[in-house]
Amino acid sequence: MLIDITLKVTPKMVEDANASENRSLTGHLGTHFDVMNKEFPLEYTKRKGIVFDVSQVTDRDISSEDIDLNRVSDQMFVAFYTGFIEKVGYGGPVYFAEHPQLSNELIDDLLEKGVSIIGVDFAGVRRGKEHTPKDQYCADRGVFVIENLRNLQEVLAHGDGSFTANTYPVSYAEMTGLPCRVIAEL
């Protein structure tokens, strides 16, 4: 079974995103990762993946205690389902400014586990001024952050959250973000 966990981009979404974030036309629209002066390795296109349901965490950062880190292994695609993208909708000011975020401790734990990709169904692993530096911090350690995933609840509905992640970024050059298509294979 294949589940598309990529945000489908519509003309209205482009308009809304451009009104809120001036960077959408430089590769930051929809499901994408921030390049952070790195090249996405072709071997990252297919990874063992897991989705953690952290939708119950609403009034604080998502922490290491909210997931079973024993299920995370080297080179994985680790995704977080909060339901935020479905609840708030993509592209507005609330979406970009008030999204959930992963704690610095959790990010460090994932990096220590040697993951390849961290995926979220919101606008970034950290908000505001912390967004870009944290993406760079991850990229410097060989980890890409994929933002604006959707349909993660579908992956969870068909088992324990385990899947094979197939990730294909658009082959753009000299962009600050790369749109990508992510398909979960169950």
Protein backbone atom coordinates (compact mmCIF):
# COMPACT_ATOMS: atom_id res chain seq x y z
CA MET A 1 0.00 0.00 0.00
CA LEU A 2 1.26 3.48 -0.91
CA ILE A 3 0.24 6.66 0.90
CA ASP A 4 1.23 10.09 -0.39
CA ILE A 5 2.34 12.12 2.64
CA THR A 6 3.17 15.17 0.51
CA LEU A 7 1.13 18.35 0.77
CA LYS A 8 -0.75 18.95 -2.48
CA VAL A 9 -0.08 22.53 -3.60
CA THR A 10 -2.95 24.57 -5.04
CA PRO A 11 -2.95 28.09 -6.55
CA LYS A 12 -4.75 29.39 -3.42
CA MET A 13 -2.06 27.90 -1.20
CA VAL A 14 0.61 29.63 -3.27
CA GLU A 15 -1.22 32.93 -2.87
CA ASP A 16 -1.71 32.46 0.90
CA ALA A 17 1.88 31.37 1.47
CA ASN A 18 3.27 34.27 -0.53
CA ALA A 19 1.24 36.67 1.63
CA SER A 20 2.71 35.14 4.81
CA GLU A 21 6.18 34.01 3.82
CA ASN A 22 8.12 35.70 1.04
CA ARG A 23 10.28 32.61 0.52
CA SER A 24 7.74 30.25 -1.00
CA LEU A 25 8.96 30.74 -4.55
CA THR A 26 12.54 29.83 -3.61
CA GLY A 27 11.64 26.21 -2.94
CA HIS A 28 9.95 26.55 0.45
CA LEU A 29 6.39 25.96 -0.76
CA GLY A 30 4.51 22.87 0.39
CA THR A 31 6.43 19.76 1.44
CA HIS A 32 10.12 20.61 1.24
CA PHE A 33 13.39 20.66 3.08
CA ASP A 34 15.72 23.59 3.60
CA VAL A 35 18.91 22.87 1.69
CA MET A 36 21.28 24.48 4.22
CA ASN A 37 24.22 24.38 1.74
CA LYS A 38 24.05 20.57 1.51
CA GLU A 39 23.29 18.06 -1.24
CA PHE A 40 20.53 15.51 -0.60
CA PRO A 41 22.25 12.10 -0.91
CA LEU A 42 20.55 9.73 -3.36
CA GLU A 43 20.78 6.92 -0.79
CA TYR A 44 18.38 8.95 1.40
CA THR A 45 15.60 8.47 -1.17
CA LYS A 46 14.60 5.14 0.41
CA ARG A 47 14.68 4.77 4.19
CA LYS A 48 13.04 2.76 6.93
CA GLY A 49 10.55 5.11 8.51
CA ILE A 50 8.40 5.57 11.57
CA VAL A 51 5.63 8.01 12.45
CA PHE A 52 5.12 8.95 16.08
CA ASP A 53 1.69 10.21 17.14
CA VAL A 54 2.37 13.26 19.30
CA SER A 55 -0.99 14.90 18.65
CA GLN A 56 -1.76 14.96 22.37
CA VAL A 57 1.17 17.34 23.03
CA THR A 58 -0.29 20.83 22.69
CA ASP A 59 0.98 23.16 25.39
CA ARG A 60 4.73 22.53 25.26
CA ASP A 61 7.56 21.34 23.05
CA ILE A 62 7.46 17.73 21.89
CA SER A 63 10.09 15.95 23.97
CA SER A 64 12.02 12.69 23.99
CA GLU A 65 9.64 11.37 26.65
CA ASP A 66 6.75 11.67 24.18
CA ILE A 67 8.11 8.94 21.89
CA ASP A 68 9.73 5.52 22.17
CA LEU A 69 13.33 6.27 21.20
CA ASN A 70 14.03 2.51 21.26
CA ARG A 71 12.10 2.31 17.97
CA VAL A 72 14.48 4.76 16.29
CA SER A 73 17.55 3.39 14.54
CA ASP A 74 20.42 4.54 12.36
CA GLN A 75 19.56 6.06 8.95
CA MET A 76 15.78 6.25 9.61
CA PHE A 77 13.17 8.71 8.41
CA VAL A 78 11.45 9.78 11.65
CA ALA A 79 8.14 11.64 11.28
CA PHE A 80 5.93 13.37 13.81
CA TYR A 81 2.14 13.49 13.52
CA THR A 82 0.58 16.41 15.38
CA GLY A 83 -2.48 16.99 13.18
CA PHE A 84 -1.55 20.68 13.02
CA ILE A 85 -1.56 20.97 9.23
CA GLU A 86 -5.06 19.47 9.05
CA LYS A 87 -6.35 21.55 11.97
CA VAL A 88 -4.99 24.98 11.02
CA GLY A 89 -4.47 24.61 7.28
CA TYR A 90 -1.29 25.39 5.40
CA GLY A 91 0.04 28.84 4.63
CA GLY A 92 -1.50 31.35 6.99
CA PRO A 93 0.17 33.43 9.69
CA VAL A 94 -0.92 31.04 12.48
CA TYR A 95 0.52 28.09 10.57
CA PHE A 96 3.96 29.68 10.31
CA ALA A 97 4.11 31.41 13.72
CA GLU A 98 2.29 29.11 16.16
CA HIS A 99 3.14 25.59 15.01
CA PRO A 100 4.33 22.86 17.38
CA GLN A 101 8.05 22.36 17.75
CA LEU A 102 10.46 19.63 18.77
CA SER A 103 12.53 20.20 21.90
CA ASN A 104 16.25 20.71 21.43
CA GLU A 105 16.78 17.60 23.56
CA LEU A 106 14.62 15.49 21.23
CA ILE A 107 16.44 16.80 18.17
CA ASP A 108 19.78 15.96 19.78
CA ASP A 109 18.53 12.46 20.70
CA LEU A 110 17.46 11.85 17.08
CA LEU A 111 20.83 13.07 15.80
CA GLU A 112 22.61 10.82 18.30
CA LYS A 113 20.57 7.88 16.98
CA GLY A 114 21.91 8.68 13.49
CA VAL A 115 18.62 9.38 11.69
CA SER A 116 18.76 10.62 8.09
CA ILE A 117 15.53 12.61 7.92
CA ILE A 118 13.21 14.26 10.43
CA GLY A 119 9.73 14.91 9.03
CA VAL A 120 7.02 17.11 10.55
CA ASP A 121 3.44 18.01 9.67
CA PHE A 122 4.04 21.66 10.46
CA ALA A 123 6.35 24.50 9.39
CA GLY A 124 9.64 23.54 11.09
CA VAL A 125 11.28 21.71 13.97
CA ARG A 126 11.71 25.10 15.71
CA ARG A 127 9.86 28.42 15.36
CA GLY A 128 10.95 31.93 14.50
CA LYS A 129 14.62 32.85 14.86
CA GLU A 130 15.48 29.27 15.90
CA HIS A 131 14.15 27.73 12.67
CA THR A 132 17.07 28.30 10.29
CA PRO A 133 19.89 27.71 12.79
CA LYS A 134 18.32 24.40 13.90
CA ASP A 135 17.92 23.25 10.29
CA GLN A 136 21.59 24.10 9.73
CA TYR A 137 22.54 22.28 12.94
CA CYS A 138 20.81 19.15 11.64
CA ALA A 139 22.20 19.48 8.10
CA ASP A 140 25.74 19.85 9.44
CA ARG A 141 25.23 16.41 11.00
CA GLY A 142 23.89 14.84 7.78
CA VAL A 143 20.19 15.11 8.71
CA PHE A 144 17.54 16.80 6.58
CA VAL A 145 14.34 18.26 8.00
CA ILE A 146 11.27 17.80 5.81
CA GLU A 147 8.48 20.24 6.61
CA ASN A 148 4.75 20.31 5.84
CA LEU A 149 3.97 16.60 5.58
CA ARG A 150 0.34 15.46 5.56
CA ASN A 151 -1.66 12.21 5.84
CA LEU A 152 0.56 10.85 8.59
CA GLN A 153 -2.55 9.68 10.41
CA GLU A 154 -3.15 7.34 7.45
CA VAL A 155 0.19 5.65 8.07
CA LEU A 156 -0.68 5.31 11.77
CA ALA A 157 -4.11 3.86 10.91
CA HIS A 158 -2.50 0.90 9.15
CA GLY A 159 -0.24 -0.42 11.87
CA ASP A 160 2.38 0.67 14.36
CA GLY A 161 3.65 3.66 12.40
CA SER A 162 6.39 1.74 10.58
CA PHE A 163 6.79 2.30 6.84
CA THR A 164 9.32 2.67 4.07
CA ALA A 165 9.88 6.32 3.14
CA ASN A 166 10.43 7.14 -0.53
CA THR A 167 11.61 10.76 -0.77
CA TYR A 168 12.33 12.49 -4.06
CA PRO A 169 13.40 16.15 -4.04
CA VAL A 170 13.07 18.24 -7.18
CA SER A 171 16.45 18.61 -8.85
CA TYR A 172 16.81 22.36 -8.40
CA ALA A 173 20.17 24.09 -8.12
CA GLU A 174 21.09 27.19 -6.11
CA MET A 175 17.80 27.20 -4.19
CA THR A 176 17.42 27.60 -0.44
CA GLY A 177 14.68 24.98 -0.26
CA LEU A 178 13.86 21.86 -2.24
CA PRO A 179 10.26 20.76 -2.76
CA CYS A 180 9.96 17.00 -2.50
CA ARG A 181 7.46 14.18 -2.87
CA VAL A 182 7.31 11.69 -0.02
CA ILE A 183 5.48 8.39 -0.40
CA ALA A 184 4.97 6.02 2.54
CA GLU A 185 5.10 2.38 1.52
CA LEU A 186 3.37 -0.03 3.91
